[in-house]
Amino acid sequence: MSEALRSLLDRFDADAGWRRPAGWRERAQWQERIERLSLSLESGAAALRDRADAALARLDAADADAAAAVRARIVAGDGARVLREWTSEPAAQADGEGYDPLDAMLGAVLALNEPRGEIAAPAPQTVFYQPTPARHALDLLARLDLGAYDVLIDLGSGLGHVPLLAAACTPARCVGIEHEAAYVASARECAQALRLRRVEFVHADARVAELAAGTVFYLYTPFTGELLAQVLERLRALSLRRPIRLASLGPCTQTLAAQPWLRPLQETWAPDRIAVFAAGAA
């Protein structure tokens, strides 16, 4: 195993790809390979283990530098170009559940503070919070093509990943509606640190929150059952006054697809991919 790790580290030292600021995926692949082989090192291979640890530290430092550079660009108002760079990969890859290295990169860029205080257990018909995987969030923004006239409302926004990313990378106004106060506080702190002026976070129940300004509504299956039905009825009533779009990910997509007042904007839909629906006048 020592020879395999030594050979890997030699290739790592000669590779220039992981050094690029945009080479976060290459860095994640190198990290996984080095860590896997390091776990099987013999006890007497201290020098080789030190070399592996040094390589991992270089990868961590490169990731931190890249995240800081992207964060600085967002603060400076250059988020739209960041979005174009991050969405350069084929959208066909934006499927499946779970997370990947892009989530770690986005997490480092946003630098969200850990929520303070006790987090309540999910109420009946609400779903345990998980952030939208970064690849799906980018796919969502690429497909929505939000303009300055749009207001994106994330229903059950959690720590605010989607509204924060949308406000950083598009000209739209963005609103996160979340019933957990600690998540709202953390999201607000992040928005302030990134100097994002077109995003706000509201501590409210989606059944009674102000929705009238929204042109696009996003749901990462934040609730189910009657609670979801009540929110959808509010959106249906809104669609009678003007056109709106709904985007979803997860099991709630099946419920949206069954609504007679919604029409899908893609030929097929699946719960593990972003689905977009239109309502109101065509």
Protein backbone atom coordinates (compact mmCIF):
# COMPACT_ATOMS: atom_id res chain seq x y z
CA MET A 1 0.00 0.00 0.00
CA SER A 2 2.93 2.35 0.68
CA GLU A 3 4.08 2.12 -2.93
CA ALA A 4 0.58 2.84 -4.21
CA LEU A 5 0.34 5.95 -2.03
CA ARG A 6 3.85 7.10 -2.97
CA SER A 7 3.00 6.77 -6.65
CA LEU A 8 -0.27 8.66 -6.13
CA LEU A 9 1.50 11.50 -4.33
CA ASP A 10 4.06 11.72 -7.12
CA ARG A 11 1.23 12.17 -9.62
CA PHE A 12 -0.41 14.69 -7.30
CA ASP A 13 2.74 16.80 -7.14
CA ALA A 14 2.97 16.79 -10.94
CA ASP A 15 -0.69 17.64 -11.54
CA ALA A 16 -1.60 21.27 -12.18
CA GLY A 17 -5.37 20.83 -12.44
CA TRP A 18 -6.14 20.83 -8.72
CA ARG A 19 -4.24 24.11 -8.26
CA ARG A 20 -6.74 26.06 -10.37
CA PRO A 21 -9.23 28.10 -8.30
CA ALA A 22 -12.03 26.40 -10.25
CA GLY A 23 -10.52 22.94 -9.73
CA TRP A 24 -12.65 22.13 -6.68
CA ARG A 25 -13.86 18.88 -8.20
CA GLU A 26 -10.31 17.74 -8.97
CA ARG A 27 -9.29 18.62 -5.41
CA ALA A 28 -12.13 16.54 -3.99
CA GLN A 29 -11.09 13.57 -6.11
CA TRP A 30 -7.47 13.86 -4.99
CA GLN A 31 -8.54 14.15 -1.38
CA GLU A 32 -10.67 11.01 -1.58
CA ARG A 33 -7.85 8.97 -3.17
CA ILE A 34 -5.17 10.14 -0.75
CA GLU A 35 -7.34 9.57 2.32
CA ARG A 36 -8.37 6.11 1.15
CA LEU A 37 -4.78 4.91 0.67
CA SER A 38 -3.59 6.62 3.87
CA LEU A 39 -6.02 4.58 5.94
CA SER A 40 -4.20 1.38 4.97
CA LEU A 41 -0.65 2.59 5.61
CA GLU A 42 1.67 0.42 7.66
CA SER A 43 2.58 1.73 11.12
CA GLY A 44 6.21 2.28 10.12
CA ALA A 45 5.46 4.60 7.21
CA ALA A 46 5.52 7.83 9.23
CA ALA A 47 7.35 9.86 6.59
CA LEU A 48 4.89 8.85 3.89
CA ARG A 49 1.95 9.62 6.18
CA ASP A 50 3.41 13.07 6.82
CA ARG A 51 3.69 13.61 3.08
CA ALA A 52 0.06 12.57 2.60
CA ASP A 53 -1.06 14.89 5.41
CA ALA A 54 0.86 17.75 3.80
CA ALA A 55 -0.86 17.07 0.47
CA LEU A 56 -4.28 17.12 2.15
CA ALA A 57 -3.39 20.39 3.86
CA ARG A 58 -2.46 21.89 0.48
CA LEU A 59 -5.80 20.79 -0.92
CA ASP A 60 -7.67 22.32 2.02
CA ALA A 61 -5.76 25.57 1.62
CA ALA A 62 -6.50 25.71 -2.11
CA ASP A 63 -10.21 25.17 -1.42
CA ALA A 64 -10.21 27.89 1.22
CA ASP A 65 -8.48 30.32 -1.13
CA ALA A 66 -10.91 29.51 -3.95
CA ALA A 67 -13.95 29.95 -1.69
CA ALA A 68 -12.61 33.27 -0.41
CA ALA A 69 -12.08 34.46 -3.98
CA VAL A 70 -15.64 33.55 -5.01
CA ARG A 71 -17.02 35.14 -1.86
CA ALA A 72 -15.12 38.35 -2.63
CA ARG A 73 -16.56 38.39 -6.15
CA ILE A 74 -20.10 38.02 -4.79
CA VAL A 75 -19.52 40.84 -2.30
CA ALA A 76 -18.27 42.95 -5.21
CA GLY A 77 -21.43 42.21 -7.22
CA ASP A 78 -19.90 39.74 -9.69
CA GLY A 79 -22.13 36.81 -8.72
CA ALA A 80 -23.80 36.51 -12.13
CA ARG A 81 -20.50 35.51 -13.73
CA VAL A 82 -19.91 33.02 -10.91
CA LEU A 83 -23.27 31.43 -11.74
CA ARG A 84 -22.34 31.12 -15.42
CA GLU A 85 -19.09 29.42 -14.48
CA TRP A 86 -20.71 27.02 -12.02
CA THR A 87 -23.49 26.06 -14.44
CA SER A 88 -21.13 25.29 -17.31
CA GLU A 89 -21.48 21.56 -16.65
CA PRO A 90 -24.34 19.72 -18.39
CA ALA A 91 -27.67 20.01 -16.57
CA ALA A 92 -28.16 16.27 -17.08
CA GLN A 93 -25.83 15.75 -14.13
CA ALA A 94 -28.23 17.58 -11.81
CA ASP A 95 -30.11 14.54 -10.59
CA GLY A 96 -30.08 12.11 -7.69
CA GLU A 97 -30.26 12.69 -3.96
CA GLY A 98 -27.34 13.36 -1.65
CA TYR A 99 -24.50 15.83 -1.77
CA ASP A 100 -21.21 16.19 -3.62
CA PRO A 101 -18.06 18.37 -3.53
CA LEU A 102 -19.92 21.37 -4.91
CA ASP A 103 -21.92 21.50 -1.68
CA ALA A 104 -18.74 21.82 0.35
CA MET A 105 -17.56 24.58 -1.99
CA LEU A 106 -20.85 26.49 -1.74
CA GLY A 107 -20.86 26.03 2.02
CA ALA A 108 -17.40 27.57 2.26
CA VAL A 109 -18.46 30.47 0.03
CA LEU A 110 -21.61 31.26 2.02
CA ALA A 111 -19.91 30.65 5.38
CA LEU A 112 -23.25 30.33 7.14
CA ASN A 113 -23.11 30.62 10.91
CA GLU A 114 -24.28 27.64 12.90
CA PRO A 115 -27.85 28.34 14.08
CA ARG A 116 -27.91 29.48 17.70
CA GLY A 117 -30.41 28.10 20.16
CA GLU A 118 -32.47 24.95 20.18
CA ILE A 119 -33.95 23.71 16.90
CA ALA A 120 -37.48 22.42 17.32
CA ALA A 121 -38.42 18.95 16.11
CA PRO A 122 -40.37 18.99 12.84
CA ALA A 123 -44.03 19.75 13.37
CA PRO A 124 -46.67 17.37 11.97
CA GLN A 125 -46.64 17.33 8.15
CA THR A 126 -43.36 19.25 8.01
CA VAL A 127 -40.16 17.58 6.81
CA PHE A 128 -36.81 17.46 8.58
CA TYR A 129 -34.67 20.22 7.10
CA GLN A 130 -32.01 19.50 4.51
CA PRO A 131 -30.52 22.13 2.20
CA THR A 132 -31.11 21.81 -1.52
CA PRO A 133 -28.03 20.11 -3.02
CA ALA A 134 -25.91 22.73 -4.75
CA ARG A 135 -26.10 21.10 -8.20
CA HIS A 136 -29.90 21.24 -8.03
CA ALA A 137 -29.87 24.86 -6.84
CA LEU A 138 -27.72 25.82 -9.81
CA ASP A 139 -29.92 23.82 -12.17
CA LEU A 140 -32.94 25.61 -10.71
CA LEU A 141 -31.47 29.06 -11.34
CA ALA A 142 -30.27 28.18 -14.83
CA ARG A 143 -33.71 26.93 -15.84
CA LEU A 144 -35.71 29.74 -14.24
CA ASP A 145 -33.62 32.48 -15.90
CA LEU A 146 -34.77 34.98 -13.29
CA GLY A 147 -35.01 38.62 -14.31
CA ALA A 148 -35.14 41.89 -12.41
CA TYR A 149 -38.95 41.72 -12.46
CA ASP A 150 -39.00 38.33 -10.70
CA VAL A 151 -39.55 37.67 -7.01
CA LEU A 152 -38.40 34.19 -6.01
CA ILE A 153 -40.02 32.92 -2.82
CA ASP A 154 -38.52 29.81 -1.21
CA LEU A 155 -41.19 28.16 0.94
CA GLY A 156 -39.39 26.47 3.80
CA SER A 157 -36.05 28.12 3.07
CA GLY A 158 -34.10 26.68 6.01
CA LEU A 159 -30.69 28.32 6.21
CA GLY A 160 -31.40 30.14 2.98
CA HIS A 161 -29.06 28.49 0.47
CA VAL A 162 -31.38 28.99 -2.53
CA PRO A 163 -32.44 32.62 -1.87
CA LEU A 164 -28.86 33.57 -1.01
CA LEU A 165 -27.48 32.00 -4.18
CA ALA A 166 -30.25 33.49 -6.31
CA ALA A 167 -29.73 36.96 -4.85
CA ALA A 168 -25.97 36.69 -5.41
CA CYS A 169 -26.19 35.44 -8.98
CA THR A 170 -29.38 36.88 -10.52
CA PRO A 171 -31.09 40.30 -10.62
CA ALA A 172 -34.24 38.92 -8.98
CA ARG A 173 -35.56 39.85 -5.57
CA CYS A 174 -35.51 36.80 -3.31
CA VAL A 175 -37.48 35.89 -0.19
CA GLY A 176 -37.01 32.95 2.14
CA ILE A 177 -39.97 31.97 4.31
CA GLU A 178 -39.05 29.73 7.24
CA HIS A 179 -40.82 28.75 10.48
CA GLU A 180 -37.59 28.05 12.42
CA ALA A 181 -36.37 31.34 13.90
CA ALA A 182 -32.77 30.20 14.37
CA TYR A 183 -32.45 29.38 10.66
CA VAL A 184 -33.86 32.78 9.73
CA ALA A 185 -31.35 34.57 11.96
CA SER A 186 -28.42 32.68 10.44
CA ALA A 187 -29.59 33.38 6.88
CA ARG A 188 -29.99 37.08 7.63
CA GLU A 189 -26.45 37.27 9.02
CA CYS A 190 -25.10 35.62 5.88
CA ALA A 191 -26.98 38.00 3.58
CA GLN A 192 -25.59 40.97 5.48
CA ALA A 193 -22.03 39.64 5.35
CA LEU A 194 -22.30 39.08 1.59
CA ARG A 195 -23.90 42.53 1.11
CA LEU A 196 -26.89 41.01 -0.63
CA ARG A 197 -29.56 43.70 -0.71
CA ARG A 198 -32.14 41.90 -2.83
CA VAL A 199 -32.83 39.09 -0.36
CA GLU A 200 -34.87 38.93 2.82
CA PHE A 201 -35.80 36.17 5.23
CA VAL A 202 -39.18 36.03 6.93
CA HIS A 203 -39.95 34.06 10.07
CA ALA A 204 -43.47 32.85 9.28
CA ASP A 205 -45.77 29.93 8.55
CA ALA A 206 -46.18 29.48 4.79
CA ARG A 207 -49.95 29.11 5.28
CA VAL A 208 -50.24 32.74 6.39
CA ALA A 209 -47.06 34.44 5.11
CA GLU A 210 -47.30 37.23 2.55
CA LEU A 211 -46.98 35.67 -0.92
CA ALA A 212 -48.60 38.27 -3.17
CA ALA A 213 -45.35 39.63 -4.62
CA GLY A 214 -43.99 36.24 -5.72
CA THR A 215 -43.58 35.36 -9.38
CA VAL A 216 -41.71 32.09 -8.75
CA PHE A 217 -42.17 29.76 -5.78
CA TYR A 218 -39.73 27.00 -4.82
CA LEU A 219 -40.45 23.96 -2.64
CA TYR A 220 -37.88 21.36 -1.63
CA THR A 221 -40.68 19.25 -0.12
CA PRO A 222 -40.83 21.33 3.07
CA PHE A 223 -44.19 19.88 4.09
CA THR A 224 -46.71 17.23 3.12
CA GLY A 225 -50.36 16.28 3.45
CA GLU A 226 -52.96 18.86 4.36
CA LEU A 227 -50.32 21.49 5.11
CA LEU A 228 -48.98 21.23 1.56
CA ALA A 229 -52.53 21.26 0.20
CA GLN A 230 -53.30 24.51 2.05
CA VAL A 231 -50.19 26.23 0.70
CA LEU A 232 -50.93 25.04 -2.83
CA GLU A 233 -54.46 26.37 -2.57
CA ARG A 234 -53.04 29.78 -1.69
CA LEU A 235 -50.81 29.62 -4.75
CA ARG A 236 -53.72 28.49 -6.96
CA ALA A 237 -55.73 31.50 -5.82
CA LEU A 238 -52.78 33.76 -6.60
CA SER A 239 -52.47 32.23 -10.08
CA LEU A 240 -56.03 33.35 -10.85
CA ARG A 241 -54.83 36.96 -10.63
CA ARG A 242 -51.56 36.65 -12.58
CA PRO A 243 -49.18 34.04 -14.01
CA ILE A 244 -46.74 32.40 -11.63
CA ARG A 245 -44.26 29.54 -11.78
CA LEU A 246 -43.65 26.79 -9.23
CA ALA A 247 -40.43 24.79 -8.98
CA SER A 248 -39.97 21.73 -6.83
CA LEU A 249 -37.60 18.97 -5.81
CA GLY A 250 -38.38 15.77 -3.95
CA PRO A 251 -41.63 13.89 -3.25
CA CYS A 252 -43.83 17.01 -3.41
CA THR A 253 -43.19 17.14 -7.17
CA GLN A 254 -45.68 14.29 -7.60
CA THR A 255 -48.31 16.34 -5.80
CA LEU A 256 -47.61 19.38 -7.97
CA ALA A 257 -47.75 17.28 -11.14
CA ALA A 258 -51.24 16.12 -10.15
CA GLN A 259 -52.64 19.65 -9.82
CA PRO A 260 -55.00 20.44 -12.73
CA TRP A 261 -54.13 24.14 -12.51
CA LEU A 262 -50.40 23.53 -13.09
CA ARG A 263 -48.77 22.63 -16.40
CA PRO A 264 -45.26 21.17 -16.52
CA LEU A 265 -42.57 23.09 -18.40
CA GLN A 266 -40.56 19.94 -19.14
CA GLU A 267 -41.53 16.79 -21.01
CA THR A 268 -40.98 14.51 -18.03
CA TRP A 269 -40.42 15.03 -14.34
CA ALA A 270 -38.84 13.01 -11.56
CA PRO A 271 -38.67 13.63 -7.79
CA ASP A 272 -34.85 13.66 -7.85
CA ARG A 273 -34.65 16.48 -10.38
CA ILE A 274 -35.86 20.05 -10.41
CA ALA A 275 -39.31 20.30 -11.99
CA VAL A 276 -40.87 23.58 -13.09
CA PHE A 277 -44.59 24.26 -13.54
CA ALA A 278 -46.54 27.24 -14.82
CA ALA A 279 -49.92 28.48 -13.67
CA GLY A 280 -52.23 31.22 -14.85
CA ALA A 281 -52.54 32.71 -18.32
CA ALA A 282 -50.28 31.04 -20.88
